[in-house]
Amino acid sequence: MSAPSPQEPGQMPRRTYLIVDGENIDATLGMNVLNRRPAPEERPRWDRISAFAEKVWSQEVVPLFFLNATSGQMPMPFVQALLAMGYKPIPLAAQGSEKVVDVGIQRTLDALMDRPGDVLLASHDGDFLPQIEALLADDDRRVGLLGFREFVNARFTEQEQRGLVMYDLEADADAFTTMLPRVRIIPIEEFDPLRYL
């Protein structure tokens, strides 16, 4: 993939759209990494994630955080914390058993097809593959996926040859204040023996 075209005078600055599938990140952390409900100190630091998204392509970030509010309740302290960190919380509700967060993210990724800018999706969910593939077809757009690499849908790794860049929540984004009990393949250049001693 080539670098994005230079910005023309009078044009809005290029942006990174950070799209967070909060349910998926939390469920993967709890069920796959910790095998239990995460304690507050084990959860990702969302401010670190948005700061990482800004550094990835050195541009302004629009952080969107999708929440399932079908129960009619919103976790207001969490929503207020997201707002304080500059996120735009998007609480969605459905009438039935619709995967409301997935549908909201799919619609947002579809809408981004008509807008300039780069996309960083925080999720492991293969339901977004059609939209990611469509975004990758645009040579003027950078697309990344942020998650726990060992739990990302395998079909996403196939998209790396088309330009999808994979980032690890712990190793790349430094989103946690404690070391997680993960067993994953570690590239030798990332191996720090002090983490294991």
N, C-alpha and C. Protein backbone atom coordinates (compact mmCIF):
# COMPACT_ATOMS: atom_id res chain seq x y z
N MET A 1 0.84 -1.18 0.00
CA MET A 1 0.00 0.00 0.00
C MET A 1 0.88 1.24 0.00
N SER A 2 0.53 2.21 -0.79
CA SER A 2 1.30 3.45 -0.85
C SER A 2 0.90 4.37 0.30
N ALA A 3 1.76 5.35 0.57
CA ALA A 3 1.44 6.33 1.60
C ALA A 3 0.28 7.18 1.13
N PRO A 4 -0.56 7.68 2.07
CA PRO A 4 -1.68 8.50 1.67
C PRO A 4 -1.22 9.75 0.92
N SER A 5 -2.09 10.26 0.06
CA SER A 5 -1.78 11.46 -0.70
C SER A 5 -1.57 12.63 0.24
N PRO A 6 -0.66 13.56 -0.12
CA PRO A 6 -0.45 14.72 0.73
C PRO A 6 -1.72 15.56 0.83
N GLN A 7 -1.84 16.25 1.94
CA GLN A 7 -3.01 17.08 2.19
C GLN A 7 -2.97 18.32 1.31
N GLU A 8 -4.10 18.64 0.72
CA GLU A 8 -4.20 19.82 -0.11
C GLU A 8 -4.56 21.02 0.76
N PRO A 9 -4.15 22.26 0.35
CA PRO A 9 -4.48 23.45 1.13
C PRO A 9 -5.99 23.58 1.32
N GLY A 10 -6.40 23.95 2.53
CA GLY A 10 -7.82 24.12 2.82
C GLY A 10 -8.54 22.83 3.15
N GLN A 11 -7.88 21.70 2.98
CA GLN A 11 -8.49 20.40 3.27
C GLN A 11 -8.36 20.12 4.77
N MET A 12 -9.33 19.39 5.32
CA MET A 12 -9.26 19.01 6.73
C MET A 12 -8.04 18.13 6.95
N PRO A 13 -7.39 18.23 8.13
CA PRO A 13 -6.25 17.36 8.38
C PRO A 13 -6.67 15.89 8.39
N ARG A 14 -5.78 15.04 7.92
CA ARG A 14 -6.06 13.62 7.88
C ARG A 14 -6.25 13.09 9.30
N ARG A 15 -7.14 12.14 9.46
CA ARG A 15 -7.48 11.61 10.78
C ARG A 15 -7.37 10.10 10.82
N THR A 16 -7.21 9.59 12.03
CA THR A 16 -7.34 8.16 12.30
C THR A 16 -8.65 7.96 13.04
N TYR A 17 -9.50 7.11 12.52
CA TYR A 17 -10.74 6.75 13.21
C TYR A 17 -10.46 5.49 14.03
N LEU A 18 -10.42 5.66 15.35
CA LEU A 18 -10.24 4.54 16.28
C LEU A 18 -11.63 4.03 16.65
N ILE A 19 -11.91 2.80 16.28
CA ILE A 19 -13.23 2.21 16.51
C ILE A 19 -13.06 1.07 17.50
N VAL A 20 -13.64 1.23 18.69
CA VAL A 20 -13.45 0.27 19.77
C VAL A 20 -14.70 -0.58 19.96
N ASP A 21 -14.53 -1.89 19.81
CA ASP A 21 -15.56 -2.87 20.11
C ASP A 21 -15.37 -3.26 21.58
N GLY A 22 -15.91 -2.43 22.47
CA GLY A 22 -15.68 -2.60 23.90
C GLY A 22 -16.06 -3.96 24.43
N GLU A 23 -17.22 -4.47 24.00
CA GLU A 23 -17.68 -5.80 24.44
C GLU A 23 -16.69 -6.88 24.06
N ASN A 24 -16.22 -6.84 22.83
CA ASN A 24 -15.32 -7.87 22.33
C ASN A 24 -13.98 -7.84 23.06
N ILE A 25 -13.42 -6.66 23.25
CA ILE A 25 -12.14 -6.54 23.96
C ILE A 25 -12.29 -7.06 25.38
N ASP A 26 -13.37 -6.66 26.07
CA ASP A 26 -13.58 -7.07 27.45
C ASP A 26 -13.82 -8.57 27.55
N ALA A 27 -14.64 -9.12 26.65
CA ALA A 27 -14.93 -10.56 26.67
C ALA A 27 -13.68 -11.38 26.39
N THR A 28 -12.87 -10.95 25.43
CA THR A 28 -11.64 -11.68 25.10
C THR A 28 -10.67 -11.64 26.26
N LEU A 29 -10.54 -10.47 26.89
CA LEU A 29 -9.67 -10.35 28.06
C LEU A 29 -10.13 -11.29 29.18
N GLY A 30 -11.44 -11.29 29.46
CA GLY A 30 -11.96 -12.10 30.55
C GLY A 30 -11.97 -13.59 30.25
N MET A 31 -12.53 -13.98 29.11
CA MET A 31 -12.71 -15.41 28.82
C MET A 31 -11.44 -16.09 28.32
N ASN A 32 -10.65 -15.39 27.51
CA ASN A 32 -9.51 -16.04 26.88
C ASN A 32 -8.17 -15.78 27.57
N VAL A 33 -7.99 -14.59 28.10
CA VAL A 33 -6.70 -14.26 28.70
C VAL A 33 -6.68 -14.58 30.19
N LEU A 34 -7.69 -14.10 30.93
CA LEU A 34 -7.69 -14.26 32.39
C LEU A 34 -8.50 -15.45 32.87
N ASN A 35 -9.43 -15.94 32.05
CA ASN A 35 -10.35 -17.03 32.44
C ASN A 35 -11.22 -16.66 33.63
N ARG A 36 -11.52 -15.38 33.75
CA ARG A 36 -12.40 -14.87 34.81
C ARG A 36 -12.71 -13.41 34.49
N ARG A 37 -13.62 -12.84 35.26
CA ARG A 37 -13.95 -11.42 35.07
C ARG A 37 -12.74 -10.56 35.44
N PRO A 38 -12.34 -9.62 34.58
CA PRO A 38 -11.18 -8.79 34.89
C PRO A 38 -11.42 -7.87 36.09
N ALA A 39 -10.42 -7.74 36.93
CA ALA A 39 -10.46 -6.75 38.01
C ALA A 39 -10.21 -5.37 37.39
N PRO A 40 -10.63 -4.30 38.06
CA PRO A 40 -10.46 -2.96 37.48
C PRO A 40 -9.01 -2.66 37.06
N GLU A 41 -8.05 -3.09 37.85
CA GLU A 41 -6.64 -2.79 37.51
C GLU A 41 -6.12 -3.65 36.35
N GLU A 42 -6.90 -4.66 35.94
CA GLU A 42 -6.48 -5.51 34.81
C GLU A 42 -7.10 -5.08 33.49
N ARG A 43 -7.97 -4.11 33.53
CA ARG A 43 -8.64 -3.66 32.30
C ARG A 43 -7.73 -2.72 31.52
N PRO A 44 -7.99 -2.60 30.21
CA PRO A 44 -7.16 -1.70 29.40
C PRO A 44 -7.30 -0.25 29.86
N ARG A 45 -6.25 0.49 29.69
CA ARG A 45 -6.25 1.93 29.94
C ARG A 45 -6.59 2.59 28.60
N TRP A 46 -7.83 3.03 28.49
CA TRP A 46 -8.33 3.52 27.21
C TRP A 46 -7.62 4.79 26.77
N ASP A 47 -7.13 5.58 27.71
CA ASP A 47 -6.36 6.77 27.34
C ASP A 47 -5.06 6.38 26.66
N ARG A 48 -4.44 5.29 27.10
CA ARG A 48 -3.23 4.81 26.44
C ARG A 48 -3.52 4.33 25.02
N ILE A 49 -4.69 3.74 24.83
CA ILE A 49 -5.05 3.23 23.52
C ILE A 49 -5.27 4.37 22.54
N SER A 50 -5.96 5.43 22.97
CA SER A 50 -6.16 6.56 22.06
C SER A 50 -4.84 7.28 21.80
N ALA A 51 -3.95 7.35 22.82
CA ALA A 51 -2.62 7.96 22.60
C ALA A 51 -1.81 7.12 21.62
N PHE A 52 -1.91 5.79 21.73
CA PHE A 52 -1.23 4.91 20.79
C PHE A 52 -1.76 5.11 19.37
N ALA A 53 -3.09 5.21 19.24
CA ALA A 53 -3.71 5.41 17.93
C ALA A 53 -3.21 6.71 17.29
N GLU A 54 -2.99 7.72 18.11
CA GLU A 54 -2.48 9.00 17.58
C GLU A 54 -1.05 8.85 17.08
N LYS A 55 -0.25 8.04 17.78
CA LYS A 55 1.16 7.85 17.39
C LYS A 55 1.32 6.96 16.16
N VAL A 56 0.41 6.01 15.97
CA VAL A 56 0.54 5.03 14.88
C VAL A 56 0.81 5.71 13.55
N TRP A 57 -0.03 6.67 13.19
CA TRP A 57 0.13 7.36 11.91
C TRP A 57 0.38 8.85 12.08
N SER A 58 0.73 9.26 13.31
CA SER A 58 1.08 10.66 13.62
C SER A 58 0.03 11.65 13.14
N GLN A 59 -1.21 11.41 13.56
CA GLN A 59 -2.28 12.32 13.17
C GLN A 59 -3.39 12.31 14.21
N GLU A 60 -4.27 13.27 14.09
CA GLU A 60 -5.40 13.41 15.01
C GLU A 60 -6.24 12.13 15.02
N VAL A 61 -6.79 11.80 16.19
CA VAL A 61 -7.61 10.59 16.34
C VAL A 61 -9.04 10.98 16.70
N VAL A 62 -9.97 10.28 16.07
CA VAL A 62 -11.39 10.36 16.43
C VAL A 62 -11.72 9.03 17.11
N PRO A 63 -11.74 9.00 18.46
CA PRO A 63 -11.97 7.73 19.15
C PRO A 63 -13.46 7.47 19.42
N LEU A 64 -13.97 6.39 18.84
CA LEU A 64 -15.38 6.00 18.99
C LEU A 64 -15.45 4.71 19.79
N PHE A 65 -16.23 4.71 20.86
CA PHE A 65 -16.31 3.55 21.75
C PHE A 65 -17.75 3.04 21.75
N PHE A 66 -17.96 1.85 21.21
CA PHE A 66 -19.29 1.28 21.07
C PHE A 66 -19.66 0.44 22.29
N LEU A 67 -20.87 0.69 22.81
CA LEU A 67 -21.38 0.00 24.00
C LEU A 67 -22.76 -0.59 23.72
N ASN A 68 -23.06 -1.71 24.35
CA ASN A 68 -24.39 -2.30 24.26
C ASN A 68 -25.24 -1.76 25.41
N ALA A 69 -26.27 -0.99 25.06
CA ALA A 69 -27.16 -0.41 26.07
C ALA A 69 -28.57 -0.97 25.92
N THR A 70 -28.69 -2.19 25.39
CA THR A 70 -30.00 -2.80 25.17
C THR A 70 -30.77 -2.96 26.48
N SER A 71 -30.07 -3.14 27.59
CA SER A 71 -30.74 -3.31 28.90
C SER A 71 -31.45 -2.04 29.34
N GLY A 72 -31.16 -0.92 28.68
CA GLY A 72 -31.75 0.35 29.09
C GLY A 72 -30.90 1.07 30.12
N GLN A 73 -29.83 0.43 30.53
CA GLN A 73 -28.92 1.02 31.52
C GLN A 73 -27.58 1.34 30.87
N MET A 74 -26.98 2.43 31.31
CA MET A 74 -25.64 2.77 30.84
C MET A 74 -24.72 2.84 32.06
N PRO A 75 -23.51 2.32 31.94
CA PRO A 75 -22.56 2.44 33.05
C PRO A 75 -22.02 3.87 33.10
N MET A 76 -22.79 4.77 33.74
CA MET A 76 -22.49 6.20 33.68
C MET A 76 -21.07 6.56 34.16
N PRO A 77 -20.56 5.97 35.24
CA PRO A 77 -19.18 6.34 35.61
C PRO A 77 -18.18 6.02 34.50
N PHE A 78 -18.38 4.88 33.82
CA PHE A 78 -17.49 4.50 32.72
C PHE A 78 -17.67 5.44 31.53
N VAL A 79 -18.92 5.76 31.21
CA VAL A 79 -19.20 6.67 30.10
C VAL A 79 -18.58 8.04 30.37
N GLN A 80 -18.70 8.52 31.60
CA GLN A 80 -18.12 9.82 31.95
C GLN A 80 -16.59 9.77 31.85
N ALA A 81 -16.01 8.64 32.26
CA ALA A 81 -14.55 8.49 32.14
C ALA A 81 -14.13 8.51 30.67
N LEU A 82 -14.88 7.83 29.81
CA LEU A 82 -14.58 7.85 28.38
C LEU A 82 -14.66 9.27 27.82
N LEU A 83 -15.70 10.00 28.20
CA LEU A 83 -15.84 11.37 27.74
C LEU A 83 -14.66 12.23 28.19
N ALA A 84 -14.23 12.03 29.43
CA ALA A 84 -13.10 12.80 29.96
C ALA A 84 -11.81 12.49 29.20
N MET A 85 -11.71 11.28 28.63
CA MET A 85 -10.52 10.89 27.87
C MET A 85 -10.64 11.27 26.38
N GLY A 86 -11.73 11.93 26.01
CA GLY A 86 -11.89 12.38 24.63
C GLY A 86 -12.60 11.41 23.71
N TYR A 87 -13.08 10.29 24.26
CA TYR A 87 -13.82 9.32 23.45
C TYR A 87 -15.24 9.82 23.19
N LYS A 88 -15.82 9.33 22.10
CA LYS A 88 -17.24 9.53 21.82
C LYS A 88 -17.92 8.20 22.11
N PRO A 89 -18.54 8.05 23.30
CA PRO A 89 -19.26 6.80 23.57
C PRO A 89 -20.49 6.69 22.68
N ILE A 90 -20.72 5.49 22.16
CA ILE A 90 -21.88 5.26 21.30
C ILE A 90 -22.66 4.08 21.89
N PRO A 91 -23.61 4.38 22.82
CA PRO A 91 -24.42 3.32 23.42
C PRO A 91 -25.59 2.98 22.51
N LEU A 92 -25.65 1.73 22.08
CA LEU A 92 -26.67 1.29 21.13
C LEU A 92 -27.61 0.29 21.79
N ALA A 93 -28.87 0.29 21.34
CA ALA A 93 -29.86 -0.64 21.87
C ALA A 93 -30.60 -1.30 20.72
N ALA A 94 -31.03 -2.54 20.96
CA ALA A 94 -31.81 -3.28 19.97
C ALA A 94 -33.03 -3.86 20.65
N GLN A 95 -34.03 -4.22 19.85
CA GLN A 95 -35.26 -4.80 20.39
C GLN A 95 -35.10 -6.29 20.68
N GLY A 96 -34.40 -7.00 19.80
CA GLY A 96 -34.29 -8.44 19.96
C GLY A 96 -32.89 -8.86 20.32
N SER A 97 -32.46 -9.97 19.70
CA SER A 97 -31.15 -10.53 20.01
C SER A 97 -30.08 -10.07 19.03
N GLU A 98 -30.35 -8.97 18.33
CA GLU A 98 -29.42 -8.43 17.36
C GLU A 98 -28.08 -8.08 18.03
N LYS A 99 -26.99 -8.37 17.34
CA LYS A 99 -25.66 -8.02 17.85
C LYS A 99 -25.46 -6.53 17.58
N VAL A 100 -26.02 -5.73 18.47
CA VAL A 100 -26.17 -4.30 18.23
C VAL A 100 -24.83 -3.58 18.06
N VAL A 101 -23.84 -3.94 18.85
CA VAL A 101 -22.52 -3.29 18.73
C VAL A 101 -21.90 -3.63 17.38
N ASP A 102 -21.99 -4.90 16.99
CA ASP A 102 -21.45 -5.31 15.68
C ASP A 102 -22.11 -4.55 14.54
N VAL A 103 -23.43 -4.43 14.60
CA VAL A 103 -24.16 -3.73 13.55
C VAL A 103 -23.74 -2.25 13.50
N GLY A 104 -23.61 -1.63 14.67
CA GLY A 104 -23.19 -0.24 14.72
C GLY A 104 -21.79 -0.04 14.15
N ILE A 105 -20.88 -0.93 14.48
CA ILE A 105 -19.51 -0.82 13.96
C ILE A 105 -19.49 -1.09 12.45
N GLN A 106 -20.24 -2.09 12.00
CA GLN A 106 -20.31 -2.38 10.56
C GLN A 106 -20.82 -1.16 9.79
N ARG A 107 -21.86 -0.52 10.30
CA ARG A 107 -22.40 0.67 9.63
C ARG A 107 -21.38 1.80 9.62
N THR A 108 -20.65 1.94 10.70
CA THR A 108 -19.64 3.00 10.78
C THR A 108 -18.51 2.74 9.80
N LEU A 109 -18.04 1.49 9.73
CA LEU A 109 -16.98 1.15 8.77
C LEU A 109 -17.46 1.37 7.33
N ASP A 110 -18.73 1.03 7.06
CA ASP A 110 -19.30 1.29 5.74
C ASP A 110 -19.31 2.79 5.44
N ALA A 111 -19.71 3.60 6.43
CA ALA A 111 -19.78 5.05 6.24
C ALA A 111 -18.39 5.65 5.99
N LEU A 112 -17.36 5.05 6.56
CA LEU A 112 -16.00 5.55 6.38
C LEU A 112 -15.48 5.32 4.97
N MET A 113 -16.12 4.45 4.21
CA MET A 113 -15.70 4.22 2.83
C MET A 113 -15.76 5.52 2.02
N ASP A 114 -16.67 6.40 2.38
CA ASP A 114 -16.87 7.66 1.63
C ASP A 114 -16.13 8.84 2.26
N ARG A 115 -15.30 8.57 3.27
CA ARG A 115 -14.57 9.66 3.93
C ARG A 115 -13.09 9.39 3.87
N PRO A 116 -12.27 10.43 3.74
CA PRO A 116 -10.83 10.21 3.81
C PRO A 116 -10.42 9.91 5.25
N GLY A 117 -9.32 9.26 5.41
CA GLY A 117 -8.82 8.97 6.76
C GLY A 117 -8.47 7.51 6.90
N ASP A 118 -7.78 7.23 7.97
CA ASP A 118 -7.31 5.88 8.25
C ASP A 118 -8.15 5.27 9.36
N VAL A 119 -8.12 3.95 9.46
CA VAL A 119 -9.00 3.25 10.39
C VAL A 119 -8.18 2.29 11.25
N LEU A 120 -8.40 2.37 12.56
CA LEU A 120 -7.80 1.43 13.50
C LEU A 120 -8.95 0.82 14.29
N LEU A 121 -9.19 -0.48 14.08
CA LEU A 121 -10.30 -1.19 14.72
C LEU A 121 -9.77 -2.00 15.88
N ALA A 122 -10.34 -1.80 17.07
CA ALA A 122 -9.98 -2.57 18.25
C ALA A 122 -11.02 -3.66 18.45
N SER A 123 -10.72 -4.86 17.98
CA SER A 123 -11.64 -5.99 18.05
C SER A 123 -10.91 -7.25 17.58
N HIS A 124 -11.50 -8.40 17.88
CA HIS A 124 -11.00 -9.68 17.39
C HIS A 124 -12.01 -10.32 16.45
N ASP A 125 -13.16 -9.67 16.27
CA ASP A 125 -14.35 -10.25 15.68
C ASP A 125 -14.31 -10.31 14.16
N GLY A 126 -14.45 -11.49 13.62
CA GLY A 126 -14.46 -11.70 12.17
C GLY A 126 -15.68 -11.14 11.48
N ASP A 127 -16.71 -10.70 12.23
CA ASP A 127 -17.90 -10.12 11.60
C ASP A 127 -17.57 -8.85 10.82
N PHE A 128 -16.39 -8.25 11.08
CA PHE A 128 -16.03 -7.01 10.40
C PHE A 128 -15.14 -7.23 9.18
N LEU A 129 -14.87 -8.47 8.84
CA LEU A 129 -13.99 -8.77 7.71
C LEU A 129 -14.45 -8.15 6.39
N PRO A 130 -15.74 -8.22 6.02
CA PRO A 130 -16.14 -7.62 4.74
C PRO A 130 -15.84 -6.12 4.68
N GLN A 131 -16.08 -5.43 5.79
CA GLN A 131 -15.82 -3.99 5.82
C GLN A 131 -14.32 -3.69 5.79
N ILE A 132 -13.52 -4.48 6.51
CA ILE A 132 -12.07 -4.27 6.52
C ILE A 132 -11.51 -4.55 5.12
N GLU A 133 -11.98 -5.60 4.48
CA GLU A 133 -11.53 -5.91 3.11
C GLU A 133 -11.86 -4.76 2.16
N ALA A 134 -13.05 -4.19 2.31
CA ALA A 134 -13.45 -3.08 1.45
C ALA A 134 -12.58 -1.85 1.71
N LEU A 135 -12.28 -1.58 2.97
CA LEU A 135 -11.42 -0.43 3.29
C LEU A 135 -10.01 -0.63 2.76
N LEU A 136 -9.52 -1.87 2.80
CA LEU A 136 -8.18 -2.16 2.28
C LEU A 136 -8.08 -2.00 0.77
N ALA A 137 -9.21 -2.06 0.09
CA ALA A 137 -9.20 -1.91 -1.38
C ALA A 137 -8.86 -0.48 -1.79
N ASP A 138 -8.96 0.46 -0.85
CA ASP A 138 -8.63 1.86 -1.11
C ASP A 138 -7.14 2.05 -0.85
N ASP A 139 -6.35 2.25 -1.92
CA ASP A 139 -4.89 2.38 -1.78
C ASP A 139 -4.48 3.62 -1.01
N ASP A 140 -5.39 4.56 -0.83
CA ASP A 140 -5.06 5.80 -0.14
C ASP A 140 -5.44 5.75 1.35
N ARG A 141 -5.68 4.55 1.87
CA ARG A 141 -6.14 4.43 3.26
C ARG A 141 -5.30 3.39 4.00
N ARG A 142 -4.91 3.73 5.21
CA ARG A 142 -4.22 2.76 6.07
C ARG A 142 -5.25 2.16 7.01
N VAL A 143 -5.12 0.85 7.23
CA VAL A 143 -6.08 0.13 8.08
C VAL A 143 -5.30 -0.75 9.05
N GLY A 144 -5.66 -0.65 10.33
CA GLY A 144 -5.01 -1.46 11.35
C GLY A 144 -6.02 -2.17 12.23
N LEU A 145 -5.55 -3.22 12.88
CA LEU A 145 -6.37 -3.99 13.81
C LEU A 145 -5.62 -4.07 15.13
N LEU A 146 -6.31 -3.77 16.22
CA LEU A 146 -5.70 -3.74 17.55
C LEU A 146 -6.40 -4.76 18.43
N GLY A 147 -5.63 -5.68 19.01
CA GLY A 147 -6.22 -6.69 19.88
C GLY A 147 -5.14 -7.58 20.46
N PHE A 148 -5.54 -8.74 20.97
CA PHE A 148 -4.59 -9.76 21.41
C PHE A 148 -4.35 -10.64 20.19
N ARG A 149 -3.16 -10.58 19.65
CA ARG A 149 -2.89 -11.24 18.36
C ARG A 149 -3.29 -12.71 18.33
N GLU A 150 -3.10 -13.40 19.44
CA GLU A 150 -3.38 -14.84 19.45
C GLU A 150 -4.87 -15.16 19.41
N PHE A 151 -5.72 -14.15 19.62
CA PHE A 151 -7.17 -14.38 19.62
C PHE A 151 -7.89 -13.67 18.48
N VAL A 152 -7.15 -13.00 17.61
CA VAL A 152 -7.75 -12.33 16.46
C VAL A 152 -8.25 -13.39 15.48
N ASN A 153 -9.39 -13.16 14.89
CA ASN A 153 -9.94 -14.08 13.89
C ASN A 153 -8.85 -14.36 12.85
N ALA A 154 -8.62 -15.64 12.57
CA ALA A 154 -7.52 -16.05 11.67
C ALA A 154 -7.63 -15.42 10.29
N ARG A 155 -8.82 -15.11 9.84
CA ARG A 155 -8.96 -14.52 8.50
C ARG A 155 -8.41 -13.10 8.44
N PHE A 156 -8.27 -12.44 9.59
CA PHE A 156 -7.64 -11.11 9.59
C PHE A 156 -6.16 -11.23 9.24
N THR A 157 -5.50 -12.28 9.73
CA THR A 157 -4.07 -12.42 9.43
C THR A 157 -3.85 -12.59 7.92
N GLU A 158 -4.82 -13.16 7.23
CA GLU A 158 -4.73 -13.29 5.77
C GLU A 158 -4.73 -11.92 5.10
N GLN A 159 -5.29 -10.93 5.77
CA GLN A 159 -5.39 -9.59 5.18
C GLN A 159 -4.10 -8.78 5.34
N GLU A 160 -3.15 -9.31 6.11
CA GLU A 160 -1.88 -8.57 6.28
C GLU A 160 -1.16 -8.40 4.95
N GLN A 161 -1.25 -9.39 4.08
CA GLN A 161 -0.59 -9.26 2.77
C GLN A 161 -1.25 -8.20 1.90
N ARG A 162 -2.48 -7.80 2.25
CA ARG A 162 -3.17 -6.73 1.52
C ARG A 162 -2.96 -5.37 2.16
N GLY A 163 -2.21 -5.34 3.28
CA GLY A 163 -1.89 -4.06 3.90
C GLY A 163 -2.43 -3.87 5.31
N LEU A 164 -3.24 -4.81 5.82
CA LEU A 164 -3.73 -4.68 7.19
C LEU A 164 -2.54 -4.79 8.15
N VAL A 165 -2.45 -3.84 9.07
CA VAL A 165 -1.37 -3.84 10.06
C VAL A 165 -1.95 -4.27 11.40
N MET A 166 -1.33 -5.26 12.03
CA MET A 166 -1.81 -5.80 13.30
C MET A 166 -1.00 -5.19 14.44
N TYR A 167 -1.71 -4.76 15.48
CA TYR A 167 -1.07 -4.21 16.67
C TYR A 167 -1.58 -4.96 17.88
N ASP A 168 -0.69 -5.20 18.83
CA ASP A 168 -1.05 -5.93 20.04
C ASP A 168 -1.39 -4.93 21.15
N LEU A 169 -2.51 -5.17 21.83
CA LEU A 169 -2.96 -4.28 22.90
C LEU A 169 -1.92 -4.13 24.01
N GLU A 170 -1.28 -5.23 24.36
CA GLU A 170 -0.32 -5.21 25.46
C GLU A 170 1.08 -4.80 24.98
N ALA A 171 1.60 -5.47 23.97
CA ALA A 171 2.98 -5.25 23.55
C ALA A 171 3.17 -3.94 22.79
N ASP A 172 2.24 -3.59 21.92
CA ASP A 172 2.39 -2.39 21.10
C ASP A 172 1.75 -1.16 21.74
N ALA A 173 0.51 -1.30 22.20
CA ALA A 173 -0.23 -0.15 22.73
C ALA A 173 0.06 0.10 24.20
N ASP A 174 0.70 -0.86 24.89
CA ASP A 174 1.02 -0.70 26.31
C ASP A 174 -0.24 -0.30 27.09
N ALA A 175 -1.35 -1.00 26.82
CA ALA A 175 -2.65 -0.63 27.37
C ALA A 175 -2.90 -1.11 28.79
N PHE A 176 -1.96 -1.86 29.36
CA PHE A 176 -2.19 -2.44 30.68
C PHE A 176 -1.11 -2.01 31.66
N THR A 177 -1.50 -1.90 32.93
CA THR A 177 -0.53 -1.52 33.96
C THR A 177 0.06 -2.74 34.64
N THR A 178 -0.50 -3.92 34.39
CA THR A 178 0.04 -5.17 34.93
C THR A 178 0.33 -6.12 33.77
N MET A 179 1.25 -7.03 33.99
CA MET A 179 1.56 -8.02 32.95
C MET A 179 0.46 -9.07 32.93
N LEU A 180 -0.09 -9.33 31.75
CA LEU A 180 -1.16 -10.30 31.63
C LEU A 180 -0.59 -11.72 31.52
N PRO A 181 -1.34 -12.71 32.01
CA PRO A 181 -0.87 -14.11 31.96
C PRO A 181 -1.10 -14.73 30.58
N ARG A 182 -0.43 -14.18 29.58
CA ARG A 182 -0.62 -14.66 28.20
C ARG A 182 0.51 -15.60 27.81
N VAL A 183 0.14 -16.59 27.00
CA VAL A 183 1.14 -17.43 26.36
C VAL A 183 0.96 -17.17 24.87
N ARG A 184 1.93 -16.46 24.31
CA ARG A 184 1.83 -16.07 22.91
C ARG A 184 3.20 -16.16 22.26
N ILE A 185 3.21 -16.20 20.96
CA ILE A 185 4.47 -16.20 20.23
C ILE A 185 5.05 -14.79 20.31
N ILE A 186 6.30 -14.70 20.75
CA ILE A 186 6.95 -13.41 20.94
C ILE A 186 8.07 -13.26 19.93
N PRO A 187 8.00 -12.27 19.05
CA PRO A 187 9.14 -12.02 18.16
C PRO A 187 10.39 -11.74 19.00
N ILE A 188 11.51 -12.32 18.65
CA ILE A 188 12.72 -12.23 19.48
C ILE A 188 13.12 -10.79 19.75
N GLU A 189 12.87 -9.88 18.79
CA GLU A 189 13.25 -8.48 19.03
C GLU A 189 12.39 -7.82 20.10
N GLU A 190 11.23 -8.42 20.43
CA GLU A 190 10.36 -7.90 21.48
C GLU A 190 10.58 -8.59 22.82
N PHE A 191 11.35 -9.67 22.84
CA PHE A 191 11.49 -10.47 24.05
C PHE A 191 12.29 -9.71 25.12
N ASP A 192 11.68 -9.54 26.29
CA ASP A 192 12.33 -8.90 27.43
C ASP A 192 12.35 -9.92 28.57
N PRO A 193 13.52 -10.54 28.84
CA PRO A 193 13.56 -11.57 29.88
C PRO A 193 13.16 -11.05 31.25
N LEU A 194 13.35 -9.76 31.50
CA LEU A 194 13.02 -9.21 32.82
C LEU A 194 11.53 -9.32 33.14
N ARG A 195 10.71 -9.41 32.10
CA ARG A 195 9.25 -9.58 32.34
C ARG A 195 8.94 -10.94 32.95
N TYR A 196 9.86 -11.87 32.81
CA TYR A 196 9.60 -13.26 33.24
C TYR A 196 10.42 -13.65 34.46
N LEU A 197 11.24 -12.78 34.95
CA LEU A 197 12.11 -13.10 36.09
C LEU A 197 11.52 -12.61 37.40
